Amino acid sequence: VGALSSKALSIVSSYTSTDTVYAGTIPVTSGPAATIYRSTNGSSFTDVAAGQLPNRFITDLTVNPNNSAEVYAVFGGFGSGHVYKSSNAGLNWVNISGNLPDVPHQCVVADPLYPQNVYVGNDLAVYVTVNGGAQWFEYKSGMPYALVYDLTIVFPNRHIRATTHGNGVYERDLIRFPVGITTIGNEVPKEHKLSQNY
């Protein structure tokens, strides 16, 4: 893949700029640290995260479906942040792990209709944030605690599908509203309604 100095573990291309590709590399003992490279032509890559991220496996990347400069990365391992966000094409990264459990994270997706709703899968369950990672909520209704290997947005019915390790595949609705979520406990409401005035 062009001029990467390490082996890539994760890769994602932009929805809005088909020439923009991000690749997450693996840490190498006695070698280069894990980092994220960006290419805008498919042949030359620039390290856009040098020294800003944990030196752990970058297990997955996703790009905001409406903005190729907004990128999310998730990490395996323990002891430091698990979800990082860049709003400027990888030049600066912010740890948005908030209240997520300190367990390896395997996957991340952003809702194409409400891209501020970001979902991650880790060794326990699916979690979602609607406020940039300030607060995360379990989003596992109907599924057991399980290692979530992959998350997929199912476009025709606006569902999210979680593929687990040995516990099956689960599907449920995406959050149907963009902001102003009030929660009771750890679950995010599935939908809201306006009823007749009384």
N, C-alpha and C. Protein backbone atom coordinates (compact mmCIF):
# COMPACT_ATOMS: atom_id res chain seq x y z
N VAL A 1 0.84 -1.18 0.00
CA VAL A 1 0.00 0.00 0.00
C VAL A 1 0.89 1.24 0.00
N GLY A 2 1.50 1.54 -1.06
CA GLY A 2 2.29 2.75 -1.15
C GLY A 2 3.47 2.74 -0.22
N ALA A 3 3.63 3.84 0.53
CA ALA A 3 4.83 4.05 1.33
C ALA A 3 4.60 3.86 2.83
N LEU A 4 3.79 2.90 3.23
CA LEU A 4 3.61 2.65 4.66
C LEU A 4 4.89 2.05 5.23
N SER A 5 5.29 2.52 6.42
CA SER A 5 6.52 1.98 7.02
C SER A 5 6.23 0.81 7.95
N SER A 6 4.96 0.46 8.15
CA SER A 6 4.56 -0.66 9.00
C SER A 6 3.43 -1.42 8.34
N LYS A 7 3.09 -2.56 8.92
CA LYS A 7 1.97 -3.34 8.40
C LYS A 7 0.65 -2.72 8.83
N ALA A 8 -0.29 -2.64 7.89
CA ALA A 8 -1.61 -2.07 8.19
C ALA A 8 -2.52 -3.15 8.75
N LEU A 9 -3.28 -2.80 9.78
CA LEU A 9 -4.26 -3.70 10.37
C LEU A 9 -5.68 -3.25 10.01
N SER A 10 -5.89 -1.95 9.88
CA SER A 10 -7.22 -1.41 9.58
C SER A 10 -7.10 -0.37 8.48
N ILE A 11 -8.15 -0.28 7.68
CA ILE A 11 -8.16 0.68 6.57
C ILE A 11 -9.59 1.11 6.31
N VAL A 12 -9.76 2.37 5.93
CA VAL A 12 -11.09 2.89 5.61
C VAL A 12 -10.94 3.96 4.53
N SER A 13 -11.91 4.02 3.64
CA SER A 13 -11.91 5.09 2.63
C SER A 13 -13.10 6.00 2.91
N SER A 14 -12.95 7.23 2.47
CA SER A 14 -13.98 8.24 2.70
C SER A 14 -15.17 8.02 1.78
N TYR A 15 -16.37 8.36 2.27
CA TYR A 15 -17.58 8.33 1.47
C TYR A 15 -17.65 9.55 0.56
N THR A 16 -17.11 10.69 1.03
CA THR A 16 -17.26 11.95 0.32
C THR A 16 -16.07 12.28 -0.56
N SER A 17 -14.95 11.65 -0.33
CA SER A 17 -13.75 11.88 -1.13
C SER A 17 -13.10 10.53 -1.39
N THR A 18 -13.46 9.92 -2.50
CA THR A 18 -13.05 8.53 -2.75
C THR A 18 -11.54 8.36 -2.84
N ASP A 19 -10.79 9.45 -3.00
CA ASP A 19 -9.33 9.35 -3.02
C ASP A 19 -8.72 9.40 -1.63
N THR A 20 -9.52 9.67 -0.60
CA THR A 20 -8.99 9.76 0.76
C THR A 20 -9.11 8.42 1.46
N VAL A 21 -7.95 7.90 1.90
CA VAL A 21 -7.87 6.61 2.57
C VAL A 21 -7.06 6.79 3.84
N TYR A 22 -7.51 6.15 4.93
CA TYR A 22 -6.77 6.12 6.20
C TYR A 22 -6.39 4.68 6.49
N ALA A 23 -5.18 4.46 6.99
CA ALA A 23 -4.72 3.12 7.34
C ALA A 23 -4.09 3.15 8.72
N GLY A 24 -4.52 2.23 9.59
CA GLY A 24 -3.96 2.10 10.93
C GLY A 24 -2.95 0.97 10.96
N THR A 25 -1.78 1.23 11.51
CA THR A 25 -0.72 0.22 11.51
C THR A 25 -0.60 -0.46 12.88
N ILE A 26 0.21 -1.50 12.93
CA ILE A 26 0.41 -2.25 14.16
C ILE A 26 1.71 -1.81 14.82
N PRO A 27 1.78 -1.90 16.15
CA PRO A 27 3.05 -1.61 16.82
C PRO A 27 4.04 -2.74 16.55
N VAL A 28 5.28 -2.39 16.40
CA VAL A 28 6.31 -3.39 16.12
C VAL A 28 7.35 -3.33 17.24
N THR A 29 7.65 -4.48 17.86
CA THR A 29 8.69 -4.53 18.88
C THR A 29 10.01 -4.11 18.25
N SER A 30 10.70 -3.20 18.89
CA SER A 30 11.97 -2.65 18.38
C SER A 30 11.79 -2.05 16.99
N GLY A 31 10.63 -1.45 16.77
CA GLY A 31 10.37 -0.83 15.47
C GLY A 31 9.42 0.33 15.61
N PRO A 32 8.79 0.72 14.51
CA PRO A 32 7.90 1.88 14.56
C PRO A 32 6.66 1.65 15.43
N ALA A 33 6.21 2.71 16.05
CA ALA A 33 4.99 2.67 16.86
C ALA A 33 3.78 2.62 15.94
N ALA A 34 2.67 2.17 16.49
CA ALA A 34 1.41 2.18 15.75
C ALA A 34 1.03 3.62 15.44
N THR A 35 0.50 3.85 14.27
CA THR A 35 0.09 5.19 13.88
C THR A 35 -0.97 5.09 12.78
N ILE A 36 -1.43 6.24 12.30
CA ILE A 36 -2.41 6.28 11.23
C ILE A 36 -1.83 7.10 10.08
N TYR A 37 -1.95 6.52 8.90
CA TYR A 37 -1.50 7.17 7.68
C TYR A 37 -2.72 7.60 6.87
N ARG A 38 -2.54 8.70 6.11
CA ARG A 38 -3.60 9.17 5.22
C ARG A 38 -3.03 9.31 3.81
N SER A 39 -3.84 8.92 2.84
CA SER A 39 -3.48 9.12 1.44
C SER A 39 -4.62 9.83 0.75
N THR A 40 -4.28 10.75 -0.13
CA THR A 40 -5.30 11.41 -0.94
C THR A 40 -5.16 11.04 -2.41
N ASN A 41 -4.21 10.12 -2.70
CA ASN A 41 -4.05 9.69 -4.09
C ASN A 41 -3.89 8.17 -4.23
N GLY A 42 -3.88 7.43 -3.11
CA GLY A 42 -3.78 5.98 -3.15
C GLY A 42 -2.39 5.43 -3.29
N SER A 43 -1.40 6.27 -3.52
CA SER A 43 -0.04 5.75 -3.69
C SER A 43 0.95 6.30 -2.68
N SER A 44 0.77 7.51 -2.22
CA SER A 44 1.67 8.04 -1.19
C SER A 44 0.88 8.29 0.10
N PHE A 45 1.50 7.92 1.22
CA PHE A 45 0.84 8.02 2.52
C PHE A 45 1.63 8.92 3.44
N THR A 46 0.90 9.70 4.26
CA THR A 46 1.51 10.60 5.23
C THR A 46 1.10 10.17 6.62
N ASP A 47 2.07 10.08 7.53
CA ASP A 47 1.78 9.77 8.93
C ASP A 47 1.11 11.00 9.53
N VAL A 48 -0.18 10.85 9.90
CA VAL A 48 -0.93 12.00 10.41
C VAL A 48 -1.18 11.91 11.92
N ALA A 49 -0.59 10.93 12.58
CA ALA A 49 -0.89 10.77 14.00
C ALA A 49 0.36 10.51 14.84
N ALA A 50 1.51 10.75 14.31
CA ALA A 50 2.77 10.40 14.98
C ALA A 50 2.79 10.89 16.43
N GLY A 51 2.93 9.94 17.35
CA GLY A 51 3.07 10.26 18.76
C GLY A 51 1.81 10.70 19.49
N GLN A 52 0.67 10.75 18.82
CA GLN A 52 -0.56 11.23 19.45
C GLN A 52 -1.47 10.13 19.95
N LEU A 53 -1.19 8.89 19.58
CA LEU A 53 -2.09 7.78 19.87
C LEU A 53 -1.38 6.73 20.72
N PRO A 54 -2.15 5.87 21.42
CA PRO A 54 -1.52 4.78 22.16
C PRO A 54 -0.77 3.85 21.20
N ASN A 55 0.33 3.29 21.67
CA ASN A 55 1.11 2.38 20.83
C ASN A 55 0.54 0.97 20.96
N ARG A 56 -0.68 0.81 20.46
CA ARG A 56 -1.39 -0.47 20.52
C ARG A 56 -2.02 -0.74 19.16
N PHE A 57 -2.57 -1.93 19.00
CA PHE A 57 -3.20 -2.29 17.74
C PHE A 57 -4.38 -1.36 17.45
N ILE A 58 -4.36 -0.72 16.29
CA ILE A 58 -5.48 0.10 15.83
C ILE A 58 -6.42 -0.87 15.12
N THR A 59 -7.44 -1.32 15.83
CA THR A 59 -8.25 -2.43 15.36
C THR A 59 -9.29 -2.03 14.31
N ASP A 60 -9.72 -0.77 14.29
CA ASP A 60 -10.69 -0.35 13.29
C ASP A 60 -10.67 1.17 13.14
N LEU A 61 -11.07 1.62 11.98
CA LEU A 61 -11.19 3.05 11.66
C LEU A 61 -12.53 3.26 10.99
N THR A 62 -13.11 4.44 11.18
CA THR A 62 -14.28 4.83 10.39
C THR A 62 -14.21 6.32 10.14
N VAL A 63 -14.87 6.73 9.06
CA VAL A 63 -14.92 8.13 8.67
C VAL A 63 -16.37 8.59 8.73
N ASN A 64 -16.59 9.81 9.20
CA ASN A 64 -17.92 10.40 9.17
C ASN A 64 -18.42 10.33 7.73
N PRO A 65 -19.58 9.72 7.48
CA PRO A 65 -20.07 9.56 6.11
C PRO A 65 -20.29 10.88 5.36
N ASN A 66 -20.35 12.00 6.10
CA ASN A 66 -20.61 13.29 5.48
C ASN A 66 -19.41 14.23 5.49
N ASN A 67 -18.28 13.78 6.06
CA ASN A 67 -17.13 14.67 6.21
C ASN A 67 -15.85 13.84 6.28
N SER A 68 -15.08 13.84 5.22
CA SER A 68 -13.89 12.97 5.15
C SER A 68 -12.79 13.40 6.11
N ALA A 69 -12.91 14.56 6.73
CA ALA A 69 -11.88 15.01 7.68
C ALA A 69 -12.16 14.52 9.10
N GLU A 70 -13.34 13.94 9.36
CA GLU A 70 -13.68 13.46 10.70
C GLU A 70 -13.49 11.94 10.74
N VAL A 71 -12.50 11.51 11.53
CA VAL A 71 -12.08 10.11 11.56
C VAL A 71 -12.10 9.60 13.00
N TYR A 72 -12.48 8.33 13.17
CA TYR A 72 -12.48 7.67 14.47
C TYR A 72 -11.59 6.44 14.41
N ALA A 73 -10.86 6.19 15.49
CA ALA A 73 -10.00 5.00 15.59
C ALA A 73 -10.27 4.32 16.92
N VAL A 74 -10.30 2.98 16.91
CA VAL A 74 -10.44 2.21 18.15
C VAL A 74 -9.23 1.31 18.32
N PHE A 75 -8.94 0.99 19.61
CA PHE A 75 -7.72 0.30 19.97
C PHE A 75 -7.98 -0.92 20.83
N GLY A 76 -7.16 -1.93 20.66
CA GLY A 76 -7.14 -3.08 21.55
C GLY A 76 -6.33 -2.75 22.79
N GLY A 77 -6.14 -3.74 23.65
CA GLY A 77 -5.30 -3.56 24.83
C GLY A 77 -6.02 -2.95 26.01
N PHE A 78 -5.23 -2.62 27.02
CA PHE A 78 -5.75 -2.09 28.29
C PHE A 78 -4.90 -0.90 28.73
N GLY A 79 -5.44 -0.10 29.63
CA GLY A 79 -4.66 0.90 30.33
C GLY A 79 -4.57 2.28 29.73
N SER A 80 -5.17 2.53 28.58
CA SER A 80 -5.20 3.88 28.04
C SER A 80 -6.45 4.00 27.17
N GLY A 81 -6.61 5.14 26.52
CA GLY A 81 -7.82 5.39 25.74
C GLY A 81 -8.09 4.33 24.69
N HIS A 82 -9.37 4.12 24.39
CA HIS A 82 -9.77 3.12 23.41
C HIS A 82 -10.41 3.71 22.17
N VAL A 83 -10.90 4.95 22.24
CA VAL A 83 -11.54 5.59 21.09
C VAL A 83 -10.96 7.00 20.94
N TYR A 84 -10.45 7.28 19.74
CA TYR A 84 -9.88 8.59 19.44
C TYR A 84 -10.57 9.16 18.22
N LYS A 85 -10.66 10.50 18.19
CA LYS A 85 -11.33 11.20 17.11
C LYS A 85 -10.42 12.31 16.58
N SER A 86 -10.43 12.47 15.27
CA SER A 86 -9.79 13.60 14.63
C SER A 86 -10.84 14.35 13.83
N SER A 87 -10.85 15.67 13.96
CA SER A 87 -11.78 16.50 13.19
C SER A 87 -11.10 17.19 12.02
N ASN A 88 -9.77 16.99 11.90
CA ASN A 88 -9.03 17.68 10.85
C ASN A 88 -8.15 16.72 10.04
N ALA A 89 -8.75 15.64 9.57
CA ALA A 89 -8.09 14.67 8.68
C ALA A 89 -6.88 14.00 9.32
N GLY A 90 -6.92 13.83 10.63
CA GLY A 90 -5.87 13.09 11.31
C GLY A 90 -4.72 13.91 11.84
N LEU A 91 -4.73 15.21 11.67
CA LEU A 91 -3.61 16.02 12.14
C LEU A 91 -3.57 16.13 13.66
N ASN A 92 -4.74 16.16 14.30
CA ASN A 92 -4.84 16.19 15.76
C ASN A 92 -5.84 15.14 16.20
N TRP A 93 -5.53 14.47 17.31
CA TRP A 93 -6.38 13.39 17.82
C TRP A 93 -6.75 13.67 19.26
N VAL A 94 -8.03 13.38 19.60
CA VAL A 94 -8.54 13.58 20.95
C VAL A 94 -9.08 12.25 21.47
N ASN A 95 -8.74 11.92 22.71
CA ASN A 95 -9.25 10.72 23.35
C ASN A 95 -10.70 10.99 23.76
N ILE A 96 -11.65 10.24 23.16
CA ILE A 96 -13.06 10.42 23.50
C ILE A 96 -13.61 9.16 24.18
N SER A 97 -12.75 8.45 24.88
CA SER A 97 -13.16 7.19 25.52
C SER A 97 -14.12 7.39 26.67
N GLY A 98 -14.12 8.58 27.27
CA GLY A 98 -15.07 8.89 28.34
C GLY A 98 -15.21 7.78 29.36
N ASN A 99 -16.44 7.32 29.57
CA ASN A 99 -16.75 6.32 30.59
C ASN A 99 -16.79 4.89 30.04
N LEU A 100 -16.17 4.64 28.88
CA LEU A 100 -16.13 3.29 28.33
C LEU A 100 -15.30 2.38 29.24
N PRO A 101 -15.64 1.09 29.29
CA PRO A 101 -14.84 0.16 30.10
C PRO A 101 -13.43 -0.01 29.51
N ASP A 102 -12.47 -0.28 30.36
CA ASP A 102 -11.08 -0.46 29.95
C ASP A 102 -10.88 -1.89 29.45
N VAL A 103 -11.41 -2.16 28.26
CA VAL A 103 -11.28 -3.46 27.61
C VAL A 103 -10.96 -3.21 26.14
N PRO A 104 -10.40 -4.19 25.43
CA PRO A 104 -10.11 -4.00 24.01
C PRO A 104 -11.37 -3.68 23.21
N HIS A 105 -11.22 -2.76 22.27
CA HIS A 105 -12.30 -2.37 21.36
C HIS A 105 -11.93 -2.85 19.96
N GLN A 106 -12.91 -3.43 19.26
CA GLN A 106 -12.64 -4.03 17.96
C GLN A 106 -13.22 -3.27 16.78
N CYS A 107 -14.29 -2.47 16.98
CA CYS A 107 -14.96 -1.89 15.82
C CYS A 107 -15.64 -0.57 16.17
N VAL A 108 -15.84 0.25 15.13
CA VAL A 108 -16.47 1.56 15.28
C VAL A 108 -17.20 1.90 13.99
N VAL A 109 -18.41 2.49 14.13
CA VAL A 109 -19.17 3.01 12.99
C VAL A 109 -19.86 4.30 13.40
N ALA A 110 -20.11 5.16 12.40
CA ALA A 110 -20.88 6.38 12.62
C ALA A 110 -22.16 6.28 11.80
N ASP A 111 -23.27 6.71 12.39
CA ASP A 111 -24.56 6.70 11.71
C ASP A 111 -24.52 7.68 10.53
N PRO A 112 -24.85 7.25 9.32
CA PRO A 112 -24.79 8.16 8.17
C PRO A 112 -25.82 9.28 8.21
N LEU A 113 -26.96 9.05 8.88
CA LEU A 113 -27.98 10.09 8.98
C LEU A 113 -27.70 11.05 10.12
N TYR A 114 -27.23 10.53 11.25
CA TYR A 114 -26.88 11.34 12.42
C TYR A 114 -25.45 11.00 12.81
N PRO A 115 -24.44 11.54 12.10
CA PRO A 115 -23.06 11.12 12.30
C PRO A 115 -22.48 11.44 13.67
N GLN A 116 -23.16 12.24 14.48
CA GLN A 116 -22.70 12.44 15.85
C GLN A 116 -22.99 11.22 16.72
N ASN A 117 -23.82 10.31 16.22
CA ASN A 117 -24.11 9.05 16.92
C ASN A 117 -23.07 8.03 16.48
N VAL A 118 -22.13 7.74 17.37
CA VAL A 118 -21.02 6.84 17.06
C VAL A 118 -21.17 5.60 17.93
N TYR A 119 -21.02 4.43 17.31
CA TYR A 119 -21.17 3.14 17.99
C TYR A 119 -19.82 2.43 17.99
N VAL A 120 -19.49 1.79 19.12
CA VAL A 120 -18.28 0.97 19.20
C VAL A 120 -18.64 -0.41 19.73
N GLY A 121 -17.85 -1.40 19.33
CA GLY A 121 -17.99 -2.75 19.86
C GLY A 121 -16.71 -3.13 20.57
N ASN A 122 -16.86 -3.74 21.75
CA ASN A 122 -15.68 -4.13 22.51
C ASN A 122 -15.85 -5.54 23.06
N ASP A 123 -15.03 -5.90 24.03
CA ASP A 123 -15.06 -7.26 24.60
C ASP A 123 -16.31 -7.54 25.41
N LEU A 124 -17.15 -6.53 25.65
CA LEU A 124 -18.34 -6.72 26.48
C LEU A 124 -19.65 -6.55 25.72
N ALA A 125 -19.72 -5.51 24.88
CA ALA A 125 -21.02 -5.15 24.28
C ALA A 125 -20.84 -4.08 23.22
N VAL A 126 -21.97 -3.53 22.78
CA VAL A 126 -22.02 -2.37 21.90
C VAL A 126 -22.29 -1.16 22.77
N TYR A 127 -21.60 -0.06 22.49
CA TYR A 127 -21.81 1.20 23.20
C TYR A 127 -22.04 2.30 22.17
N VAL A 128 -22.75 3.37 22.58
CA VAL A 128 -23.04 4.48 21.68
C VAL A 128 -22.83 5.79 22.44
N THR A 129 -22.37 6.81 21.70
CA THR A 129 -22.31 8.17 22.21
C THR A 129 -23.08 9.06 21.24
N VAL A 130 -23.75 10.07 21.77
CA VAL A 130 -24.45 11.05 20.95
C VAL A 130 -23.91 12.45 21.21
N ASN A 131 -22.84 12.52 22.04
CA ASN A 131 -22.31 13.82 22.43
C ASN A 131 -20.78 13.86 22.34
N GLY A 132 -20.25 13.29 21.30
CA GLY A 132 -18.81 13.38 21.06
C GLY A 132 -17.94 12.59 22.00
N GLY A 133 -18.50 11.61 22.68
CA GLY A 133 -17.71 10.77 23.58
C GLY A 133 -17.69 11.24 25.02
N ALA A 134 -18.38 12.33 25.34
CA ALA A 134 -18.43 12.78 26.73
C ALA A 134 -19.11 11.74 27.61
N GLN A 135 -20.07 11.04 27.03
CA GLN A 135 -20.76 9.98 27.76
C GLN A 135 -21.13 8.86 26.78
N TRP A 136 -20.88 7.63 27.20
CA TRP A 136 -21.20 6.44 26.40
C TRP A 136 -22.25 5.62 27.14
N PHE A 137 -23.13 4.96 26.37
CA PHE A 137 -24.18 4.14 26.94
C PHE A 137 -24.12 2.74 26.33
N GLU A 138 -24.41 1.72 27.13
CA GLU A 138 -24.57 0.37 26.58
C GLU A 138 -25.72 0.40 25.59
N TYR A 139 -25.53 -0.30 24.48
CA TYR A 139 -26.56 -0.39 23.45
C TYR A 139 -26.69 -1.85 23.05
N LYS A 140 -27.03 -2.70 24.03
CA LYS A 140 -27.00 -4.14 23.82
C LYS A 140 -28.33 -4.82 24.09
N SER A 141 -29.40 -4.08 24.14
CA SER A 141 -30.70 -4.67 24.43
C SER A 141 -30.96 -5.87 23.52
N GLY A 142 -31.30 -7.01 24.13
CA GLY A 142 -31.59 -8.21 23.38
C GLY A 142 -30.41 -9.11 23.10
N MET A 143 -29.22 -8.71 23.51
CA MET A 143 -28.05 -9.56 23.28
C MET A 143 -27.30 -9.77 24.59
N PRO A 144 -26.60 -10.90 24.74
CA PRO A 144 -25.85 -11.13 25.96
C PRO A 144 -24.57 -10.30 25.96
N TYR A 145 -23.90 -10.22 27.11
CA TYR A 145 -22.55 -9.65 27.10
C TYR A 145 -21.70 -10.57 26.25
N ALA A 146 -21.05 -10.00 25.25
CA ALA A 146 -20.29 -10.81 24.31
C ALA A 146 -19.23 -9.93 23.64
N LEU A 147 -18.17 -10.57 23.19
CA LEU A 147 -17.12 -9.89 22.44
C LEU A 147 -17.68 -9.54 21.06
N VAL A 148 -17.74 -8.25 20.75
CA VAL A 148 -18.29 -7.77 19.49
C VAL A 148 -17.13 -7.53 18.53
N TYR A 149 -17.08 -8.34 17.47
CA TYR A 149 -16.01 -8.27 16.49
C TYR A 149 -16.26 -7.26 15.38
N ASP A 150 -17.53 -7.06 15.02
CA ASP A 150 -17.81 -6.18 13.89
C ASP A 150 -19.17 -5.52 14.06
N LEU A 151 -19.26 -4.27 13.62
CA LEU A 151 -20.52 -3.54 13.57
C LEU A 151 -20.76 -3.10 12.14
N THR A 152 -22.01 -3.24 11.70
CA THR A 152 -22.38 -2.86 10.34
C THR A 152 -23.66 -2.05 10.39
N ILE A 153 -23.69 -0.97 9.61
CA ILE A 153 -24.93 -0.22 9.44
C ILE A 153 -25.72 -0.89 8.33
N VAL A 154 -26.98 -1.24 8.60
CA VAL A 154 -27.86 -1.85 7.60
C VAL A 154 -28.71 -0.72 7.05
N PHE A 155 -28.36 -0.23 5.87
CA PHE A 155 -28.97 0.97 5.32
C PHE A 155 -30.46 0.85 5.03
N PRO A 156 -30.95 -0.23 4.41
CA PRO A 156 -32.38 -0.26 4.04
C PRO A 156 -33.34 -0.10 5.21
N ASN A 157 -33.00 -0.67 6.38
CA ASN A 157 -33.95 -0.59 7.50
C ASN A 157 -33.42 0.23 8.69
N ARG A 158 -32.30 0.95 8.50
CA ARG A 158 -31.69 1.78 9.55
C ARG A 158 -31.48 0.99 10.83
N HIS A 159 -30.80 -0.14 10.70
CA HIS A 159 -30.44 -0.97 11.84
C HIS A 159 -28.92 -0.99 11.99
N ILE A 160 -28.49 -1.44 13.15
CA ILE A 160 -27.08 -1.73 13.38
C ILE A 160 -26.99 -3.22 13.66
N ARG A 161 -25.99 -3.85 13.08
CA ARG A 161 -25.81 -5.30 13.23
C ARG A 161 -24.48 -5.54 13.93
N ALA A 162 -24.52 -6.33 15.01
CA ALA A 162 -23.33 -6.67 15.78
C ALA A 162 -23.00 -8.14 15.59
N THR A 163 -21.79 -8.40 15.13
CA THR A 163 -21.30 -9.77 14.97
C THR A 163 -20.41 -10.08 16.16
N THR A 164 -20.73 -11.15 16.88
CA THR A 164 -20.00 -11.48 18.10
C THR A 164 -19.12 -12.70 17.90
N HIS A 165 -18.25 -12.93 18.87
CA HIS A 165 -17.39 -14.11 18.86
C HIS A 165 -18.13 -15.26 19.55
N GLY A 166 -18.69 -16.18 18.76
CA GLY A 166 -19.33 -17.36 19.30
C GLY A 166 -20.70 -17.18 19.90
N ASN A 167 -21.27 -15.97 19.83
CA ASN A 167 -22.59 -15.74 20.41
C ASN A 167 -23.61 -15.26 19.38
N GLY A 168 -23.30 -15.37 18.11
CA GLY A 168 -24.26 -15.02 17.08
C GLY A 168 -24.17 -13.59 16.59
N VAL A 169 -25.16 -13.23 15.77
CA VAL A 169 -25.27 -11.90 15.17
C VAL A 169 -26.57 -11.29 15.67
N TYR A 170 -26.50 -10.02 16.09
CA TYR A 170 -27.67 -9.33 16.65
C TYR A 170 -27.91 -8.05 15.86
N GLU A 171 -29.19 -7.69 15.74
CA GLU A 171 -29.55 -6.50 15.00
C GLU A 171 -30.61 -5.73 15.77
N ARG A 172 -30.50 -4.41 15.75
CA ARG A 172 -31.52 -3.55 16.35
C ARG A 172 -31.52 -2.20 15.67
N ASP A 173 -32.55 -1.40 15.95
CA ASP A 173 -32.68 -0.08 15.34
C ASP A 173 -31.52 0.82 15.76
N LEU A 174 -31.12 1.68 14.84
CA LEU A 174 -30.23 2.78 15.20
C LEU A 174 -31.03 3.79 16.00
N ILE A 175 -30.37 4.64 16.73
CA ILE A 175 -31.06 5.72 17.43
C ILE A 175 -31.71 6.59 16.37
N ARG A 176 -32.97 6.95 16.58
CA ARG A 176 -33.74 7.64 15.54
C ARG A 176 -33.80 9.15 15.70
N PHE A 177 -33.06 9.71 16.59
CA PHE A 177 -33.08 11.15 16.75
C PHE A 177 -31.67 11.63 17.06
N PRO A 178 -31.35 12.85 16.69
CA PRO A 178 -29.97 13.29 16.77
C PRO A 178 -29.48 13.77 18.13
N VAL A 179 -30.28 14.50 18.90
CA VAL A 179 -29.77 15.11 20.12
C VAL A 179 -30.80 15.07 21.22
N GLY A 180 -30.40 15.51 22.41
CA GLY A 180 -31.33 15.66 23.52
C GLY A 180 -31.79 14.36 24.12
N ILE A 181 -30.93 13.37 24.22
CA ILE A 181 -31.31 12.08 24.78
C ILE A 181 -31.27 12.15 26.29
N THR A 182 -32.33 11.73 26.90
CA THR A 182 -32.38 11.58 28.34
C THR A 182 -32.44 10.10 28.64
N THR A 183 -31.62 9.65 29.58
CA THR A 183 -31.55 8.22 29.83
C THR A 183 -31.95 7.88 31.25
N ILE A 184 -32.40 6.66 31.39
CA ILE A 184 -32.66 6.06 32.70
C ILE A 184 -31.80 4.80 32.72
N GLY A 185 -30.85 4.75 33.60
CA GLY A 185 -29.92 3.62 33.62
C GLY A 185 -28.90 3.77 32.51
N ASN A 186 -28.45 2.64 31.95
CA ASN A 186 -27.41 2.65 30.92
C ASN A 186 -27.93 2.53 29.50
N GLU A 187 -29.21 2.28 29.31
CA GLU A 187 -29.74 2.08 27.96
C GLU A 187 -30.17 3.40 27.34
N VAL A 188 -29.92 3.57 26.05
CA VAL A 188 -30.39 4.73 25.30
C VAL A 188 -31.76 4.39 24.75
N PRO A 189 -32.74 5.30 24.85
CA PRO A 189 -34.07 5.01 24.32
C PRO A 189 -34.02 4.67 22.83
N LYS A 190 -34.89 3.77 22.40
CA LYS A 190 -34.93 3.32 21.01
C LYS A 190 -35.56 4.38 20.11
N GLU A 191 -36.58 5.09 20.58
CA GLU A 191 -37.23 6.12 19.79
C GLU A 191 -37.98 7.07 20.72
N HIS A 192 -38.48 8.16 20.18
CA HIS A 192 -39.31 9.08 20.96
C HIS A 192 -40.57 9.37 20.16
N LYS A 193 -41.61 9.82 20.86
CA LYS A 193 -42.89 10.13 20.20
C LYS A 193 -43.48 11.38 20.83
N LEU A 194 -44.22 12.10 20.03
CA LEU A 194 -45.03 13.21 20.54
C LEU A 194 -46.47 12.72 20.55
N SER A 195 -47.07 12.70 21.73
CA SER A 195 -48.43 12.20 21.85
C SER A 195 -49.43 13.36 21.81
N GLN A 196 -50.70 13.03 21.72
CA GLN A 196 -51.76 14.02 21.71
C GLN A 196 -51.72 14.84 23.00
N ASN A 197 -51.97 16.15 22.87
CA ASN A 197 -52.03 17.01 24.07
C ASN A 197 -53.24 16.67 24.90
N TYR A 198 -53.11 16.77 26.22
CA TYR A 198 -54.24 16.51 27.11
C TYR A 198 -54.54 17.76 27.90
